[in-house]
């Protein structure tokens, strides 16, 4: 499976598996063309990141092959600690 990482001002943020790169790129371009706006993405670990996208803010996208992660389902109500084996059974 592919893991997409968005880097904002030299800080990398791995995206959740279900994030639509084309949609995020289009939203970022719209924000820059409009003078700036907030673009929200879901990160690996089921956490949300709000990015203030404006002219002059460097944003890059990197795609890499990684193993599938069944906890990484984009559910913001069920966050997990990335790179841990802890399963949050008590939130169900």
C-alpha atoms as a PDB file:
ATOM      1  CA  UNK A   1       0.000   0.000   0.000  1.00  0.00           C
ATOM      2  CA  UNK A   2       1.090   3.586  -0.471  1.00  0.00           C
ATOM      3  CA  UNK A   3       1.703   6.024   2.372  1.00  0.00           C
ATOM      4  CA  UNK A   4       1.509   9.703   1.480  1.00  0.00           C
ATOM      5  CA  UNK A   5       3.403  12.191   3.604  1.00  0.00           C
ATOM      6  CA  UNK A   6       2.644  15.891   3.428  1.00  0.00           C
ATOM      7  CA  UNK A   7       5.494  18.150   4.504  1.00  0.00           C
ATOM      8  CA  UNK A   8       4.585  21.654   5.621  1.00  0.00           C
ATOM      9  CA  UNK A   9       7.425  24.102   6.311  1.00  0.00           C
ATOM     10  CA  UNK A  10       9.930  21.227   6.709  1.00  0.00           C
ATOM     11  CA  UNK A  11       7.716  19.218   9.111  1.00  0.00           C
ATOM     12  CA  UNK A  12       6.569  15.849   7.686  1.00  0.00           C
ATOM     13  CA  UNK A  13       3.099  14.503   8.498  1.00  0.00           C
ATOM     14  CA  UNK A  14       2.130  10.995   7.307  1.00  0.00           C
ATOM     15  CA  UNK A  15      -1.467  10.948   6.056  1.00  0.00           C
ATOM     16  CA  UNK A  16      -4.090   8.320   6.873  1.00  0.00           C
ATOM     17  CA  UNK A  17      -4.482   5.577   4.277  1.00  0.00           C
ATOM     18  CA  UNK A  18      -7.785   6.863   2.878  1.00  0.00           C
ATOM     19  CA  UNK A  19      -6.693  10.434   2.126  1.00  0.00           C
ATOM     20  CA  UNK A  20      -7.322  11.605  -1.446  1.00  0.00           C
ATOM     21  CA  UNK A  21      -4.096  13.252  -2.630  1.00  0.00           C
ATOM     22  CA  UNK A  22      -5.764  14.868  -5.654  1.00  0.00           C
ATOM     23  CA  UNK A  23      -8.396  16.487  -3.400  1.00  0.00           C
ATOM     24  CA  UNK A  24      -5.766  17.773  -0.944  1.00  0.00           C
ATOM     25  CA  UNK A  25      -3.607  19.183  -3.739  1.00  0.00           C
ATOM     26  CA  UNK A  26      -6.634  20.934  -5.280  1.00  0.00           C
ATOM     27  CA  UNK A  27      -7.651  22.365  -1.890  1.00  0.00           C
ATOM     28  CA  UNK A  28      -4.093  23.631  -1.311  1.00  0.00           C
ATOM     29  CA  UNK A  29      -3.984  25.273  -4.747  1.00  0.00           C
ATOM     30  CA  UNK A  30      -7.379  26.902  -4.166  1.00  0.00           C
ATOM     31  CA  UNK A  31      -6.155  28.210  -0.801  1.00  0.00           C
ATOM     32  CA  UNK A  32      -3.021  29.732  -2.331  1.00  0.00           C
ATOM     33  CA  UNK A  33      -4.933  31.279  -5.233  1.00  0.00           C
ATOM     34  CA  UNK A  34      -7.436  32.751  -2.764  1.00  0.00           C
ATOM     35  CA  UNK A  35      -4.707  34.329  -0.632  1.00  0.00           C
ATOM     36  CA  UNK A  36      -4.800  31.676   2.105  1.00  0.00           C
ATOM     37  CA  UNK A  37      -7.160  29.240   3.814  1.00  0.00           C
ATOM     38  CA  UNK A  38      -7.256  26.284   6.190  1.00  0.00           C
ATOM     39  CA  UNK A  39      -6.942  22.813   4.626  1.00  0.00           C
ATOM     40  CA  UNK A  40      -7.753  19.882   6.927  1.00  0.00           C
ATOM     41  CA  UNK A  41      -6.246  16.414   6.505  1.00  0.00           C
ATOM     42  CA  UNK A  42      -6.433  13.201   8.524  1.00  0.00           C
ATOM     43  CA  UNK A  43      -3.063  11.912   9.691  1.00  0.00           C
ATOM     44  CA  UNK A  44      -1.767   8.437  10.324  1.00  0.00           C
ATOM     45  CA  UNK A  45      -2.917   7.712  13.871  1.00  0.00           C
ATOM     46  CA  UNK A  46      -6.440   9.013  13.113  1.00  0.00           C
ATOM     47  CA  UNK A  47      -5.673  12.599  14.053  1.00  0.00           C
ATOM     48  CA  UNK A  48      -6.719  15.751  12.221  1.00  0.00           C
ATOM     49  CA  UNK A  49      -4.268  18.424  11.091  1.00  0.00           C
ATOM     50  CA  UNK A  50      -5.455  21.890  10.047  1.00  0.00           C
ATOM     51  CA  UNK A  51      -2.903  23.567   7.783  1.00  0.00           C
ATOM     52  CA  UNK A  52      -2.932  27.283   7.089  1.00  0.00           C
ATOM     53  CA  UNK A  53      -2.051  27.233   3.395  1.00  0.00           C
ATOM     54  CA  UNK A  54      -0.964  30.562   1.965  1.00  0.00           C
ATOM     55  CA  UNK A  55       1.460  31.894  -0.617  1.00  0.00           C
ATOM     56  CA  UNK A  56       5.020  31.301   0.546  1.00  0.00           C
ATOM     57  CA  UNK A  57       4.274  28.239   2.696  1.00  0.00           C
ATOM     58  CA  UNK A  58       6.178  25.281   1.221  1.00  0.00           C
ATOM     59  CA  UNK A  59       4.137  22.077   0.960  1.00  0.00           C
ATOM     60  CA  UNK A  60       5.412  18.842  -0.586  1.00  0.00           C
ATOM     61  CA  UNK A  61       3.877  15.403  -1.025  1.00  0.00           C
ATOM     62  CA  UNK A  62       5.864  12.149  -0.865  1.00  0.00           C
ATOM     63  CA  UNK A  63       4.520   8.706  -1.754  1.00  0.00           C
ATOM     64  CA  UNK A  64       6.135   5.544  -0.346  1.00  0.00           C
ATOM     65  CA  UNK A  65       5.174   1.870  -0.201  1.00  0.00           C
ATOM     66  CA  UNK A  66       4.453   0.689   3.368  1.00  0.00           C
ATOM     67  CA  UNK A  67       2.759  -2.324   5.004  1.00  0.00           C
ATOM     68  CA  UNK A  68      -1.017  -2.138   5.476  1.00  0.00           C
ATOM     69  CA  UNK A  69      -2.123  -0.872   8.913  1.00  0.00           C
ATOM     70  CA  UNK A  70      -5.650  -1.935   9.911  1.00  0.00           C
ATOM     71  CA  UNK A  71      -5.906   0.687  12.704  1.00  0.00           C
ATOM     72  CA  UNK A  72      -5.294   3.490  10.186  1.00  0.00           C
ATOM     73  CA  UNK A  73      -8.909   3.845   9.071  1.00  0.00           C
ATOM     74  CA  UNK A  74      -9.250   7.653   9.252  1.00  0.00           C
ATOM     75  CA  UNK A  75     -11.736   7.474  12.153  1.00  0.00           C
ATOM     76  CA  UNK A  76     -10.995  10.648  14.150  1.00  0.00           C
ATOM     77  CA  UNK A  77     -13.047   9.218  17.041  1.00  0.00           C
ATOM     78  CA  UNK A  78     -10.596   6.332  17.385  1.00  0.00           C
ATOM     79  CA  UNK A  79      -7.061   7.747  17.456  1.00  0.00           C
ATOM     80  CA  UNK A  80      -4.070   5.527  18.154  1.00  0.00           C
ATOM     81  CA  UNK A  81      -0.427   6.095  18.918  1.00  0.00           C
ATOM     82  CA  UNK A  82       1.503   5.643  15.660  1.00  0.00           C
ATOM     83  CA  UNK A  83       4.060   2.853  15.575  1.00  0.00           C
ATOM     84  CA  UNK A  84       2.647   1.169  18.704  1.00  0.00           C
ATOM     85  CA  UNK A  85       0.869  -2.169  18.995  1.00  0.00           C
ATOM     86  CA  UNK A  86      -1.636  -0.826  21.563  1.00  0.00           C
ATOM     87  CA  UNK A  87      -5.266  -1.505  20.595  1.00  0.00           C
ATOM     88  CA  UNK A  88      -7.846   0.751  22.206  1.00  0.00           C
ATOM     89  CA  UNK A  89     -10.554  -1.805  23.073  1.00  0.00           C
ATOM     90  CA  UNK A  90     -12.201   0.257  25.809  1.00  0.00           C
ATOM     91  CA  UNK A  91     -13.511   2.983  23.475  1.00  0.00           C
ATOM     92  CA  UNK A  92     -16.036   0.663  21.782  1.00  0.00           C
END
